[in-house]
Amino acid sequence: LVHGDLRGSNIFLNYGGKVVIADVGMVYITDTPEFTMMQSAATARWTAPELMDPKVPRQSTSIEGPDCTTQSDVFAFAMTIVQIFSEALPFRHVNNDTTCIFLILRGQRPELPQY
């Protein structure tokens, strides 16, 4: 399964203390290549660079956007871990989400929390 919009605000603890992932409207089974999703600046901090880079070849010809993959979910999970441990959004020093797109495409990553 690929979630496609994994981020801190989509992860909850239920009453039993188990982790629950929400916003599953974007979830799809990985052997369904027809699925694509539109990326928005609102989730840019968690979006893998290959999903935002216009130079990366697309598997899909959809105008909605690139295909999400297991690898893009891994990137989003890494950004979520940064968010959880730093108790702040990835790229917390950047006020504009669109600027985050340019930083990510240039290979920059958020600061890791110090312990």
C-alpha atoms as a PDB file:
ATOM      1  CA  LEU A   1       0.000   0.000   0.000  1.00  0.00           C
ATOM      2  CA  VAL A   2       1.053   3.554  -0.687  1.00  0.00           C
ATOM      3  CA  HIS A   3      -0.463   6.299   1.471  1.00  0.00           C
ATOM      4  CA  GLY A   4       0.468   9.283  -0.680  1.00  0.00           C
ATOM      5  CA  ASP A   5      -0.006  11.994   1.966  1.00  0.00           C
ATOM      6  CA  LEU A   6       1.855  10.809   5.043  1.00  0.00           C
ATOM      7  CA  ARG A   7       2.669  13.585   7.540  1.00  0.00           C
ATOM      8  CA  GLY A   8       2.415  14.289  11.249  1.00  0.00           C
ATOM      9  CA  SER A   9      -1.100  15.695  11.093  1.00  0.00           C
ATOM     10  CA  ASN A  10      -2.334  12.381   9.653  1.00  0.00           C
ATOM     11  CA  ILE A  11      -0.975  10.227  12.491  1.00  0.00           C
ATOM     12  CA  PHE A  12      -2.927   9.704  15.713  1.00  0.00           C
ATOM     13  CA  LEU A  13      -3.005   7.524  18.810  1.00  0.00           C
ATOM     14  CA  ASN A  14      -6.274   5.732  19.454  1.00  0.00           C
ATOM     15  CA  TYR A  15      -7.734   5.131  22.907  1.00  0.00           C
ATOM     16  CA  GLY A  16      -5.789   1.876  23.151  1.00  0.00           C
ATOM     17  CA  GLY A  17      -2.499   3.679  22.506  1.00  0.00           C
ATOM     18  CA  LYS A  18      -2.066   2.261  19.007  1.00  0.00           C
ATOM     19  CA  VAL A  19      -0.892   4.414  16.111  1.00  0.00           C
ATOM     20  CA  VAL A  20      -3.571   5.131  13.513  1.00  0.00           C
ATOM     21  CA  ILE A  21      -2.863   6.678  10.113  1.00  0.00           C
ATOM     22  CA  ALA A  22      -5.648   8.893   8.797  1.00  0.00           C
ATOM     23  CA  ASP A  23      -6.497  10.531   5.473  1.00  0.00           C
ATOM     24  CA  VAL A  24      -6.547   7.200   3.722  1.00  0.00           C
ATOM     25  CA  GLY A  25      -8.487   8.631   0.802  1.00  0.00           C
ATOM     26  CA  MET A  26      -5.143   8.829  -1.014  1.00  0.00           C
ATOM     27  CA  VAL A  27      -4.151   5.209  -0.241  1.00  0.00           C
ATOM     28  CA  TYR A  28      -3.847   2.858  -3.153  1.00  0.00           C
ATOM     29  CA  ILE A  29      -2.546  -0.621  -3.774  1.00  0.00           C
ATOM     30  CA  THR A  30       0.850  -0.423  -5.433  1.00  0.00           C
ATOM     31  CA  ASP A  31      -0.086  -2.651  -8.346  1.00  0.00           C
ATOM     32  CA  THR A  32      -2.642  -0.087  -9.572  1.00  0.00           C
ATOM     33  CA  PRO A  33      -0.510   2.211 -11.754  1.00  0.00           C
ATOM     34  CA  GLU A  34      -3.442   4.326 -12.924  1.00  0.00           C
ATOM     35  CA  PHE A  35      -3.593   6.181  -9.611  1.00  0.00           C
ATOM     36  CA  THR A  36      -1.983   9.595  -9.417  1.00  0.00           C
ATOM     37  CA  MET A  37      -2.282  12.454  -6.984  1.00  0.00           C
ATOM     38  CA  MET A  38      -1.982  16.187  -7.213  1.00  0.00           C
ATOM     39  CA  GLN A  39       0.759  17.650  -5.036  1.00  0.00           C
ATOM     40  CA  SER A  40       0.038  20.879  -3.259  1.00  0.00           C
ATOM     41  CA  ALA A  41       2.249  23.389  -1.526  1.00  0.00           C
ATOM     42  CA  ALA A  42       0.416  22.583   1.716  1.00  0.00           C
ATOM     43  CA  THR A  43       2.169  19.201   1.885  1.00  0.00           C
ATOM     44  CA  ALA A  44       5.436  20.249   0.230  1.00  0.00           C
ATOM     45  CA  ARG A  45       7.467  19.777   3.412  1.00  0.00           C
ATOM     46  CA  TRP A  46       6.731  16.034   3.296  1.00  0.00           C
ATOM     47  CA  THR A  47       6.783  15.533  -0.485  1.00  0.00           C
ATOM     48  CA  ALA A  48       9.632  13.586  -2.074  1.00  0.00           C
ATOM     49  CA  PRO A  49      11.736  15.592  -4.543  1.00  0.00           C
ATOM     50  CA  GLU A  50      10.992  13.287  -7.465  1.00  0.00           C
ATOM     51  CA  LEU A  51       7.281  14.083  -7.131  1.00  0.00           C
ATOM     52  CA  MET A  52       7.912  17.817  -7.516  1.00  0.00           C
ATOM     53  CA  ASP A  53      10.754  17.875 -10.036  1.00  0.00           C
ATOM     54  CA  PRO A  54       9.499  18.591 -13.566  1.00  0.00           C
ATOM     55  CA  LYS A  55      12.691  17.024 -14.977  1.00  0.00           C
ATOM     56  CA  VAL A  56      11.938  13.583 -13.512  1.00  0.00           C
ATOM     57  CA  PRO A  57      10.282  11.294 -16.073  1.00  0.00           C
ATOM     58  CA  ARG A  58       6.746  10.302 -15.154  1.00  0.00           C
ATOM     59  CA  GLN A  59       5.261   6.815 -15.316  1.00  0.00           C
ATOM     60  CA  SER A  60       1.828   8.362 -15.675  1.00  0.00           C
ATOM     61  CA  THR A  61       0.666  10.720 -18.381  1.00  0.00           C
ATOM     62  CA  SER A  62      -2.015  12.163 -16.103  1.00  0.00           C
ATOM     63  CA  ILE A  63      -2.166  15.940 -15.801  1.00  0.00           C
ATOM     64  CA  GLU A  64      -3.003  15.547 -12.101  1.00  0.00           C
ATOM     65  CA  GLY A  65       0.566  14.880 -11.109  1.00  0.00           C
ATOM     66  CA  PRO A  66       3.167  12.168 -10.623  1.00  0.00           C
ATOM     67  CA  ASP A  67       2.572   8.738  -9.189  1.00  0.00           C
ATOM     68  CA  CYS A  68       3.222   8.296  -5.490  1.00  0.00           C
ATOM     69  CA  THR A  69       5.459   5.365  -4.646  1.00  0.00           C
ATOM     70  CA  THR A  70       6.668   3.399  -1.677  1.00  0.00           C
ATOM     71  CA  GLN A  71       9.872   5.449  -1.939  1.00  0.00           C
ATOM     72  CA  SER A  72       7.972   8.747  -1.780  1.00  0.00           C
ATOM     73  CA  ASP A  73       6.141   7.466   1.311  1.00  0.00           C
ATOM     74  CA  VAL A  74       9.533   6.636   2.880  1.00  0.00           C
ATOM     75  CA  PHE A  75      10.650  10.246   2.280  1.00  0.00           C
ATOM     76  CA  ALA A  76       7.398  11.518   3.831  1.00  0.00           C
ATOM     77  CA  PHE A  77       7.913   9.174   6.793  1.00  0.00           C
ATOM     78  CA  ALA A  78      11.443  10.543   7.292  1.00  0.00           C
ATOM     79  CA  MET A  79      10.100  14.108   7.288  1.00  0.00           C
ATOM     80  CA  THR A  80       7.419  12.997   9.767  1.00  0.00           C
ATOM     81  CA  ILE A  81      10.113  11.586  12.077  1.00  0.00           C
ATOM     82  CA  VAL A  82      11.947  14.935  11.868  1.00  0.00           C
ATOM     83  CA  GLN A  83       8.661  16.656  12.752  1.00  0.00           C
ATOM     84  CA  ILE A  84       7.991  14.384  15.730  1.00  0.00           C
ATOM     85  CA  PHE A  85      11.469  14.578  17.249  1.00  0.00           C
ATOM     86  CA  SER A  86      11.982  18.298  16.634  1.00  0.00           C
ATOM     87  CA  GLU A  87       8.399  19.141  17.667  1.00  0.00           C
ATOM     88  CA  ALA A  88       8.278  21.488  14.675  1.00  0.00           C
ATOM     89  CA  LEU A  89       7.472  21.358  10.988  1.00  0.00           C
ATOM     90  CA  PRO A  90      10.280  20.262   8.674  1.00  0.00           C
ATOM     91  CA  PHE A  91      12.109  23.416   7.545  1.00  0.00           C
ATOM     92  CA  ARG A  92      10.672  25.239  10.569  1.00  0.00           C
ATOM     93  CA  HIS A  93      12.768  28.326   9.772  1.00  0.00           C
ATOM     94  CA  VAL A  94      11.008  28.700   6.382  1.00  0.00           C
ATOM     95  CA  ASN A  95       7.645  30.495   6.520  1.00  0.00           C
ATOM     96  CA  ASN A  96       6.629  29.882   2.910  1.00  0.00           C
ATOM     97  CA  ASP A  97       5.772  26.306   1.865  1.00  0.00           C
ATOM     98  CA  THR A  98       6.566  27.111  -1.758  1.00  0.00           C
ATOM     99  CA  THR A  99      10.116  27.997  -0.708  1.00  0.00           C
ATOM    100  CA  CYS A 100      10.364  24.500   0.772  1.00  0.00           C
ATOM    101  CA  ILE A 101       9.784  23.078  -2.701  1.00  0.00           C
ATOM    102  CA  PHE A 102      12.827  24.939  -4.030  1.00  0.00           C
ATOM    103  CA  LEU A 103      14.946  23.897  -1.033  1.00  0.00           C
ATOM    104  CA  ILE A 104      13.994  20.231  -1.412  1.00  0.00           C
ATOM    105  CA  LEU A 105      14.627  20.309  -5.168  1.00  0.00           C
ATOM    106  CA  ARG A 106      18.097  21.773  -4.492  1.00  0.00           C
ATOM    107  CA  GLY A 107      18.849  18.824  -2.218  1.00  0.00           C
ATOM    108  CA  GLN A 108      18.515  20.639   1.086  1.00  0.00           C
ATOM    109  CA  ARG A 109      16.950  18.813   4.001  1.00  0.00           C
ATOM    110  CA  PRO A 110      15.604  20.097   7.328  1.00  0.00           C
ATOM    111  CA  GLU A 111      17.831  20.446  10.353  1.00  0.00           C
ATOM    112  CA  LEU A 112      17.877  17.423  12.610  1.00  0.00           C
ATOM    113  CA  PRO A 113      17.057  18.028  16.268  1.00  0.00           C
ATOM    114  CA  GLN A 114      19.966  18.159  18.713  1.00  0.00           C
ATOM    115  CA  TYR A 115      19.940  15.919  21.778  1.00  0.00           C
END
